[in-house]
Protein backbone atom coordinates (compact mmCIF):
# COMPACT_ATOMS: atom_id res chain seq x y z
CA ASN A 1 0.00 0.00 0.00
CA LEU A 2 1.46 3.32 -1.14
CA VAL A 3 1.07 6.60 0.68
CA ARG A 4 1.97 9.71 -1.28
CA GLY A 5 2.49 13.39 -0.47
CA ARG A 6 3.11 16.37 -2.75
CA ILE A 7 4.08 19.97 -2.06
CA THR A 8 1.66 22.31 -3.78
CA GLN A 9 3.43 24.41 -6.38
CA ALA A 10 2.75 28.08 -5.48
CA TRP A 11 5.23 29.74 -7.85
CA PRO A 12 7.51 28.65 -10.66
CA GLU A 13 10.44 26.50 -9.58
CA PRO A 14 13.48 25.53 -11.58
CA VAL A 15 13.36 21.92 -10.20
CA THR A 16 10.13 20.11 -9.33
CA SER A 17 11.34 16.47 -9.28
CA ASN A 18 11.85 16.55 -5.52
CA ASN A 19 8.35 17.73 -4.71
CA LEU A 20 6.94 14.16 -4.44
CA VAL A 21 7.71 11.58 -1.75
CA GLN A 22 6.26 8.10 -1.31
CA ALA A 23 6.66 5.39 1.31
CA GLU A 24 5.57 1.75 1.79
CA VAL A 25 3.20 1.52 4.76
CA PRO A 26 2.20 -2.04 5.83
CA VAL A 27 -1.56 -2.46 6.25
CA GLU A 28 -2.86 -5.59 8.04
CA GLY A 29 -5.15 -7.63 5.78
CA VAL A 30 -7.57 -10.52 6.34
CA ASP A 31 -7.93 -13.50 4.02
CA LEU A 32 -10.52 -16.14 4.96
CA TYR A 33 -10.78 -19.34 2.94
CA VAL A 34 -12.33 -22.81 2.68
CA THR A 35 -10.39 -25.78 1.34
CA ASN A 36 -10.22 -29.58 1.26
CA PHE A 37 -13.98 -29.85 0.72
CA HIS A 38 -15.11 -33.43 0.04
CA VAL A 39 -17.73 -36.06 0.80
CA ALA A 40 -16.33 -38.47 3.38
CA SER A 41 -17.65 -41.67 1.77
CA ASP A 42 -18.04 -41.23 -1.97
CA PRO A 43 -20.10 -42.79 -3.50
CA VAL A 44 -23.05 -42.66 -1.11
CA ARG A 45 -26.21 -44.73 -1.08
CA LYS A 46 -29.39 -43.07 -2.27
CA CYS A 47 -31.78 -41.76 0.40
CA TYR A 48 -29.16 -42.32 3.13
CA GLN A 49 -27.33 -39.90 5.37
CA ALA A 50 -23.85 -38.81 4.31
CA SER A 51 -21.33 -36.27 5.54
CA ALA A 52 -19.07 -33.69 3.93
CA SER A 53 -15.90 -32.25 5.46
CA VAL A 54 -14.26 -28.88 4.90
CA VAL A 55 -11.38 -26.90 6.38
CA ALA A 56 -11.99 -23.21 7.15
CA GLY A 57 -8.92 -21.03 7.52
CA ASN A 58 -7.79 -17.55 8.49
CA LYS A 59 -4.75 -15.84 6.98
CA SER A 60 -4.36 -12.89 9.29
CA GLU A 61 -2.76 -11.88 12.56
CA LYS A 62 -6.02 -11.54 14.45
CA GLN A 63 -8.81 -13.79 15.66
CA ILE A 64 -11.86 -13.84 13.39
CA THR A 65 -15.42 -15.02 14.06
CA THR A 66 -17.52 -15.62 10.96
CA GLN A 67 -20.13 -17.88 9.36
CA VAL A 68 -19.56 -20.97 7.22
CA LYS A 69 -22.54 -22.00 5.07
CA PHE A 70 -23.12 -25.42 3.55
CA TYR A 71 -25.48 -25.85 0.60
CA GLY A 72 -26.72 -29.45 0.49
CA PRO A 73 -29.53 -31.31 -1.28
CA ASP A 74 -31.80 -30.94 1.76
CA GLY A 75 -31.19 -27.28 2.54
CA VAL A 76 -28.68 -24.75 3.83
CA GLN A 77 -26.76 -25.20 7.07
CA SER A 78 -24.79 -22.47 8.81
CA LYS A 79 -22.11 -22.76 11.48
CA GLN A 80 -20.38 -19.98 13.36
CA VAL A 81 -16.64 -20.50 13.66
CA THR A 82 -13.94 -18.65 15.53
CA LEU A 83 -10.60 -18.85 13.75
CA ALA A 84 -7.34 -18.21 15.57
CA PRO A 85 -4.69 -16.03 13.90
CA ASN A 86 -3.38 -18.01 10.91
CA GLY A 87 -5.46 -20.94 12.16
CA GLN A 88 -7.73 -23.59 10.68
CA VAL A 89 -10.85 -25.44 11.82
CA SER A 90 -12.24 -28.69 10.39
CA LEU A 91 -16.03 -28.82 10.00
CA THR A 92 -18.42 -31.64 9.15
CA PHE A 93 -21.90 -31.26 7.69
CA THR A 94 -24.38 -34.14 7.44
CA PHE A 95 -27.02 -34.33 4.72
CA GLU A 96 -29.55 -36.70 3.22
CA ALA A 97 -28.42 -38.03 -0.15
CA PRO A 98 -30.90 -37.67 -3.03
CA CYS A 99 -33.07 -40.71 -3.73
CA LYS A 100 -32.10 -40.74 -7.40
CA GLU A 101 -28.82 -42.11 -8.68
CA GLY A 102 -26.44 -39.70 -10.37
CA THR A 103 -23.67 -37.15 -9.82
CA TYR A 104 -24.42 -34.16 -7.61
CA SER A 105 -22.54 -31.11 -6.38
CA LEU A 106 -22.20 -29.38 -3.02
CA ARG A 107 -21.12 -25.87 -2.14
CA VAL A 108 -19.66 -24.25 0.97
CA THR A 109 -18.86 -20.59 1.67
CA ILE A 110 -17.18 -18.52 4.35
CA ASN A 111 -17.94 -14.86 5.10
CA GLU A 112 -20.56 -15.00 2.35
CA THR A 113 -22.11 -11.63 3.24
CA ARG A 114 -18.65 -10.03 3.31
CA ALA A 115 -19.34 -8.66 6.75
CA ILE A 116 -15.58 -8.91 7.28
CA GLU A 117 -13.43 -6.95 4.86
CA GLU A 118 -10.84 -9.12 3.14
CA THR A 119 -7.96 -8.68 0.76
CA ASN A 120 -9.09 -11.71 -1.27
CA TYR A 121 -12.61 -13.08 -1.71
CA ALA A 122 -11.79 -15.57 -4.48
CA ASN A 123 -11.15 -18.43 -2.04
CA ASN A 124 -14.31 -17.89 0.03
CA GLU A 125 -16.18 -20.64 -1.81
CA ALA A 126 -15.49 -24.30 -2.53
CA ARG A 127 -17.40 -26.93 -4.47
CA CYS A 128 -17.21 -30.70 -4.76
CA THR A 129 -19.09 -33.45 -6.54
CA TYR A 130 -20.17 -36.87 -5.32
CA ARG A 131 -21.94 -39.91 -6.73
CA VAL A 132 -25.20 -41.40 -5.51
CA ILE A 133 -25.57 -45.11 -6.16
CA GLY A 134 -28.39 -47.58 -5.65
CA LEU A 135 -28.89 -49.99 -2.78
CA PRO A 136 -27.15 -53.37 -2.97
CA GLU A 137 -29.25 -56.34 -3.95
CA GLY A 138 -29.03 -59.86 -2.61
CA GLU A 139 -26.77 -61.15 0.12
CA CYS A 140 -23.07 -62.00 0.08
CA ASN A 141 -21.30 -64.78 1.95
CA HIS A 142 -17.66 -65.26 0.97
CA PRO A 143 -15.83 -64.81 4.28
CA SER A 144 -12.42 -66.04 3.09
CA ASP A 145 -10.39 -66.20 -0.09
CA SER A 146 -6.97 -67.40 -1.17
CA TRP A 147 -4.94 -66.99 -4.33
CA THR A 148 -1.48 -67.72 -5.71
CA VAL A 149 0.89 -65.31 -7.42
CA GLU A 150 4.09 -65.87 -9.32
CA TYR A 151 7.04 -63.61 -8.56
CA THR A 152 9.89 -63.24 -11.03
CA CYS A 153 13.29 -63.64 -9.39
CA TYR A 154 16.72 -63.40 -10.99
CA ASP A 155 20.25 -64.57 -10.54
CA ILE A 156 23.07 -62.05 -10.47
CA CYS A 157 25.50 -62.33 -13.36
CA CYS A 158 28.84 -60.47 -13.47
CA ASP A 159 31.20 -60.04 -16.41
CA ASP A 160 35.00 -60.15 -16.32
CA GLU A 161 35.13 -56.44 -15.50
CA GLY A 162 32.94 -56.83 -12.42
CA ASN A 163 29.78 -55.34 -13.92
CA CYS A 164 26.81 -57.19 -12.45
CA SER A 165 23.17 -57.33 -13.51
CA CYS A 166 20.04 -59.40 -13.09
CA CYS A 167 19.91 -62.41 -15.38
CA GLN A 168 18.43 -65.87 -15.76
CA PRO A 169 14.90 -65.20 -14.45
CA TYR A 170 13.02 -67.88 -12.59
CA LYS A 171 9.55 -68.04 -11.02
CA VAL A 172 8.59 -68.38 -7.36
CA GLU A 173 4.99 -69.17 -6.39
CA VAL A 174 3.53 -67.74 -3.18
CA SER A 175 0.00 -68.17 -1.82
CA TYR A 176 -1.89 -65.50 0.08
CA SER A 177 -5.26 -65.28 1.78
CA GLN A 178 -7.69 -62.90 3.43
CA ARG A 179 -10.73 -63.32 5.66
CA ILE A 180 -13.42 -61.44 7.55
CA LYS A 181 -14.85 -62.39 10.94
CA THR A 182 -18.10 -60.77 12.04
CA THR A 183 -19.63 -60.73 15.50
CA VAL A 184 -23.16 -59.43 16.06
CA ASN A 185 -24.56 -58.39 19.42
CA LEU A 186 -28.33 -57.99 19.33
CA ASP A 187 -29.72 -57.23 22.76
CA THR A 188 -33.32 -56.45 23.57
CA GLY A 189 -32.35 -55.44 27.11
CA PHE A 190 -28.94 -53.96 26.39
CA GLY A 191 -27.40 -56.75 28.47
CA GLY A 192 -25.69 -54.27 30.76
CA VAL A 193 -24.19 -52.41 27.80
CA ASN A 194 -25.85 -49.21 28.92
CA LYS A 195 -26.93 -48.93 32.54
CA ILE A 196 -29.28 -46.07 31.75
CA PHE A 197 -31.81 -48.61 30.50
CA GLU A 198 -32.03 -50.46 33.79
CA GLY A 199 -35.50 -50.03 35.18
CA TYR A 200 -37.24 -50.33 31.84
CA PRO A 201 -39.51 -53.41 31.73
CA TRP A 202 -37.70 -55.12 28.89
CA ALA A 203 -34.29 -54.63 30.56
CA GLU A 204 -35.12 -56.36 33.83
CA PRO A 205 -33.67 -59.86 34.44
CA PHE A 206 -37.16 -61.38 34.76
CA GLY A 207 -39.28 -58.53 33.53
CA LYS A 208 -40.36 -55.62 35.65
CA TYR A 209 -43.61 -57.40 36.43
CA GLY A 210 -42.14 -60.90 36.75
CA ASN A 211 -44.03 -62.19 33.74
CA GLU A 212 -41.18 -62.72 31.27
CA ILE A 213 -37.79 -64.40 31.25
CA ARG A 214 -34.75 -62.26 30.42
CA ASP A 215 -33.64 -63.21 26.92
CA LYS A 216 -31.53 -60.81 24.83
CA HIS A 217 -33.23 -62.05 21.65
CA TYR A 218 -36.77 -61.77 23.00
CA THR A 219 -38.82 -58.58 23.04
CA LYS A 220 -42.20 -57.04 22.45
CA ALA A 221 -43.11 -54.81 19.54
CA GLY A 222 -42.48 -51.17 20.38
CA TYR A 223 -39.47 -51.68 22.66
CA MET A 224 -35.95 -50.58 21.75
CA VAL A 225 -33.41 -53.13 20.52
CA TYR A 226 -29.66 -52.52 20.62
CA LEU A 227 -27.49 -53.85 17.80
CA GLU A 228 -23.71 -53.73 17.49
CA VAL A 229 -21.47 -55.36 14.89
CA ARG A 230 -17.74 -55.99 15.22
CA THR A 231 -15.69 -56.73 12.11
CA ASP A 232 -12.19 -58.19 12.06
CA TYR A 233 -10.44 -58.27 8.67
CA TRP A 234 -7.06 -59.87 8.05
CA THR A 235 -4.77 -60.58 5.11
CA ASP A 236 -1.16 -61.63 4.66
CA TRP A 237 -0.98 -60.05 1.22
CA GLU A 238 2.64 -59.35 0.20
CA THR A 239 4.09 -60.28 3.57
CA LYS A 240 5.93 -63.16 1.88
CA VAL A 241 7.64 -61.48 -1.07
CA PRO A 242 10.70 -63.62 -1.91
CA SER A 243 14.02 -62.13 -0.82
CA CYS A 244 15.63 -62.94 -4.15
CA PRO A 245 17.51 -60.38 -6.28
CA CYS A 246 15.64 -57.92 -8.47
CA VAL A 247 12.18 -59.10 -7.43
CA SER A 248 9.29 -56.63 -7.69
CA ALA A 249 6.19 -56.57 -5.49
CA PHE A 250 2.77 -56.36 -7.12
CA GLY A 251 1.52 -53.60 -4.82
CA GLY A 252 -1.95 -52.84 -3.57
CA LYS A 253 -3.39 -53.51 -0.15
CA GLY A 254 -6.31 -55.14 1.59
CA GLU A 255 -8.87 -52.92 3.30
CA GLY A 256 -11.47 -53.71 5.90
CA PRO A 257 -15.22 -53.26 5.42
CA LYS A 258 -16.59 -49.95 4.23
CA GLU A 259 -20.28 -50.84 4.42
CA VAL A 260 -22.23 -52.89 6.93
CA GLU A 261 -25.97 -53.13 6.31
CA VAL A 262 -28.83 -54.40 8.45
CA ARG A 263 -32.05 -55.70 6.89
CA PHE A 264 -35.10 -56.23 9.05
CA PRO A 265 -37.90 -58.78 8.49
CA PHE A 266 -40.42 -56.22 9.74
CA LYS A 267 -40.74 -52.44 9.69
CA VAL A 268 -38.75 -50.53 12.30
CA HIS A 269 -37.97 -47.04 13.48
CA ALA A 270 -34.23 -46.37 13.16
CA GLY A 271 -31.85 -43.57 12.26
CA PRO A 272 -32.68 -39.94 11.55
CA GLY A 273 -35.78 -40.53 9.44
CA LYS A 274 -39.33 -40.42 10.76
CA GLU A 275 -40.68 -43.08 8.41
CA LEU A 276 -40.68 -46.82 9.07
CA ILE A 277 -37.87 -48.63 7.25
CA ASP A 278 -36.70 -52.21 6.69
CA ARG A 279 -32.97 -51.67 5.99
CA ILE A 280 -30.24 -49.34 7.21
CA PHE A 281 -26.45 -48.91 7.04
CA LEU A 282 -24.46 -48.88 10.25
CA VAL A 283 -22.04 -46.17 11.39
CA PRO A 284 -18.39 -47.14 12.06
CA GLU A 285 -16.42 -45.98 15.09
CA LYS A 286 -13.15 -45.97 13.12
CA PRO A 287 -12.53 -44.83 9.52
CA ARG A 288 -14.11 -47.04 6.89
CA GLY A 289 -11.63 -49.60 5.64
CA SER A 290 -10.06 -50.18 9.07
CA TRP A 291 -9.15 -53.81 9.69
CA GLN A 292 -10.89 -53.88 13.08
CA ASN A 293 -14.00 -51.82 13.57
CA THR A 294 -17.20 -51.51 15.57
CA TRP A 295 -20.42 -50.58 13.81
CA LYS A 296 -23.56 -49.22 15.44
CA LEU A 297 -26.95 -48.00 14.37
CA PRO A 298 -27.23 -44.26 13.79
CA ALA A 299 -29.02 -42.42 16.58
CA CYS A 300 -32.76 -43.05 16.51
CA SER A 301 -33.43 -39.32 16.41
CA GLY A 302 -36.24 -39.44 13.87
CA TYR A 303 -38.50 -41.45 16.15
CA PHE A 304 -37.48 -40.15 19.58
CA GLY A 305 -36.74 -36.54 18.60
CA GLU A 306 -40.25 -35.39 19.47
CA LYS A 307 -41.63 -38.29 21.53
CA LEU A 308 -38.70 -38.63 23.93
CA PRO A 309 -35.88 -36.13 23.21
CA SER A 310 -33.69 -37.56 25.97
CA ALA A 311 -33.54 -40.84 24.03
CA ALA A 312 -32.84 -39.29 20.63
CA TRP A 313 -29.17 -40.30 20.80
CA TYR A 314 -29.84 -44.02 21.42
CA PRO A 315 -28.27 -46.25 18.71
CA VAL A 316 -31.25 -48.59 18.59
CA PHE A 317 -34.07 -49.79 16.38
CA VAL A 318 -37.70 -50.05 17.46
CA PRO A 319 -39.94 -52.74 15.91
CA ASP A 320 -43.21 -51.27 14.71
CA LYS A 321 -45.96 -51.75 17.29
CA ASN A 322 -48.04 -53.54 14.64
CA THR A 323 -45.42 -56.27 14.13
CA PRO A 324 -47.11 -59.69 14.39
CA ASP A 325 -45.86 -62.23 16.90
CA GLY A 326 -43.23 -64.46 15.39
CA ASP A 327 -39.70 -65.83 15.29
CA TYR A 328 -37.67 -63.70 12.92
CA PHE A 329 -34.11 -63.20 11.70
CA VAL A 330 -32.34 -59.84 11.42
CA THR A 331 -29.85 -59.99 8.56
CA VAL A 332 -26.46 -58.31 8.92
CA ILE A 333 -24.45 -57.99 5.69
CA VAL A 334 -20.79 -57.02 5.62
CA HIS A 335 -20.49 -55.95 2.00
CA PRO A 336 -17.55 -56.94 -0.26
CA HIS A 337 -14.17 -55.50 0.65
CA GLY A 338 -10.51 -56.46 0.80
CA PHE A 339 -7.85 -57.01 -1.83
CA THR A 340 -8.96 -57.85 -5.35
CA HIS A 341 -7.15 -58.61 -8.61
CA GLU A 342 -8.12 -60.43 -11.76
CA GLU A 343 -6.32 -63.51 -13.01
CA GLY A 344 -3.24 -62.88 -15.14
CA GLY A 345 -0.20 -60.64 -14.95
CA GLY A 346 1.47 -62.86 -12.36
CA PHE A 347 -1.76 -63.90 -10.63
CA LEU A 348 -2.29 -67.61 -11.23
CA ASP A 349 -5.87 -67.18 -10.03
CA ALA A 350 -8.00 -64.19 -9.15
CA ALA A 351 -8.09 -62.57 -5.74
CA GLU A 352 -11.72 -62.02 -4.82
CA ARG A 353 -13.08 -59.66 -2.20
CA VAL A 354 -14.55 -61.10 0.97
CA CYS A 355 -17.97 -60.54 2.52
CA GLN A 356 -20.23 -62.11 5.12
CA THR A 357 -23.91 -62.44 5.98
CA ILE A 358 -25.05 -63.18 9.53
CA LYS A 359 -28.63 -64.13 10.49
CA VAL A 360 -29.51 -63.13 14.04
CA PRO A 361 -32.70 -64.54 15.63
CA ILE A 362 -35.20 -62.27 17.33
CA ARG A 363 -38.50 -63.33 18.88
CA ILE A 364 -41.44 -60.96 19.20
CA ARG A 365 -44.35 -61.75 21.46
CA GLY A 366 -46.96 -59.11 22.18
CA VAL A 367 -46.64 -55.35 22.25
CA MET A 368 -45.05 -53.02 24.79
CA TRP A 369 -48.45 -51.83 26.04
CA ASP A 370 -49.04 -55.31 27.47
CA ASP A 371 -46.60 -54.47 30.28
CA PHE A 372 -48.62 -51.44 31.27
CA ALA A 373 -52.09 -52.96 31.06
CA PRO A 374 -54.39 -52.51 34.08
CA GLY A 375 -53.86 -55.16 36.70
CA LYS A 376 -50.17 -55.69 35.91
CA GLY A 377 -47.57 -55.43 38.66
């Protein structure tokens, strides 16, 4: 920034070149920005909840409080952020994916109203695209896989002058494998998992009114049911590369599950939606693809948000009160994941992804109102 000063010419002068002076004066500026904007799990399933992450930053020597706005398919969300001098803050916005397959875009802004004067507004907006795909069909049960690869090894040949190189190739076969182990905990009384539920009729060892036996797979329509899935993926891929000269590894890696789905044999309340559903994807505690992970239902906020706000965070499902008595199975599907490669190019057979389907029994007898009928207790 240039500051200038000039002496007003009042009479003729022989030299006027020294009548102007200028000096550089530093002026503190503010530059707010958004960057690294992306959908956490792309592609996303249609009609399901997804999340987008963005980093908001502040290039200045002072603390700034401003608004970050997210434009999603289900509306605009705004978050107030306070940015430290030359600091950054990571933000996450959740949204409901469109119910039609295709490619969609998202937008995020910072200081959109320009309430804060900046030296640069060009980086105040970021956009990203993501794909919406359909729901998987059928079940998958291929919990383990093995394959054989052929590494090319060489001998070392040296000439009379001592120059050595790889020569006389030969093949070495090595077998690898991968597997997935899935453990499902379905508990109609939370089995001590969460003490807050003690005192509810369905959580008592013999029923609050002494008229039912405690069974973690037995409940009545209308009561909450807890469900947790643990996945344990393993592979020894490329841990046995031959230690021969000039050998090259194939590369690639095996990843743990990225999607775990639950399908119900009856309609349930679960997740953020208010409508009854019969399938839902679980939420992982660790990043998707982790070898060991724990998956839980999303908070049942759609059903309890208005009826019982204090329970809106419970990771449960609630069988519809009109569910007929019966012996059912809840289906848990760990969708295909892991290392994959087609046959050929050193692979003597194909490496196929692993997956697993678990059927968990649940028995429904009666409805929750039976426990509160006149004359009980």
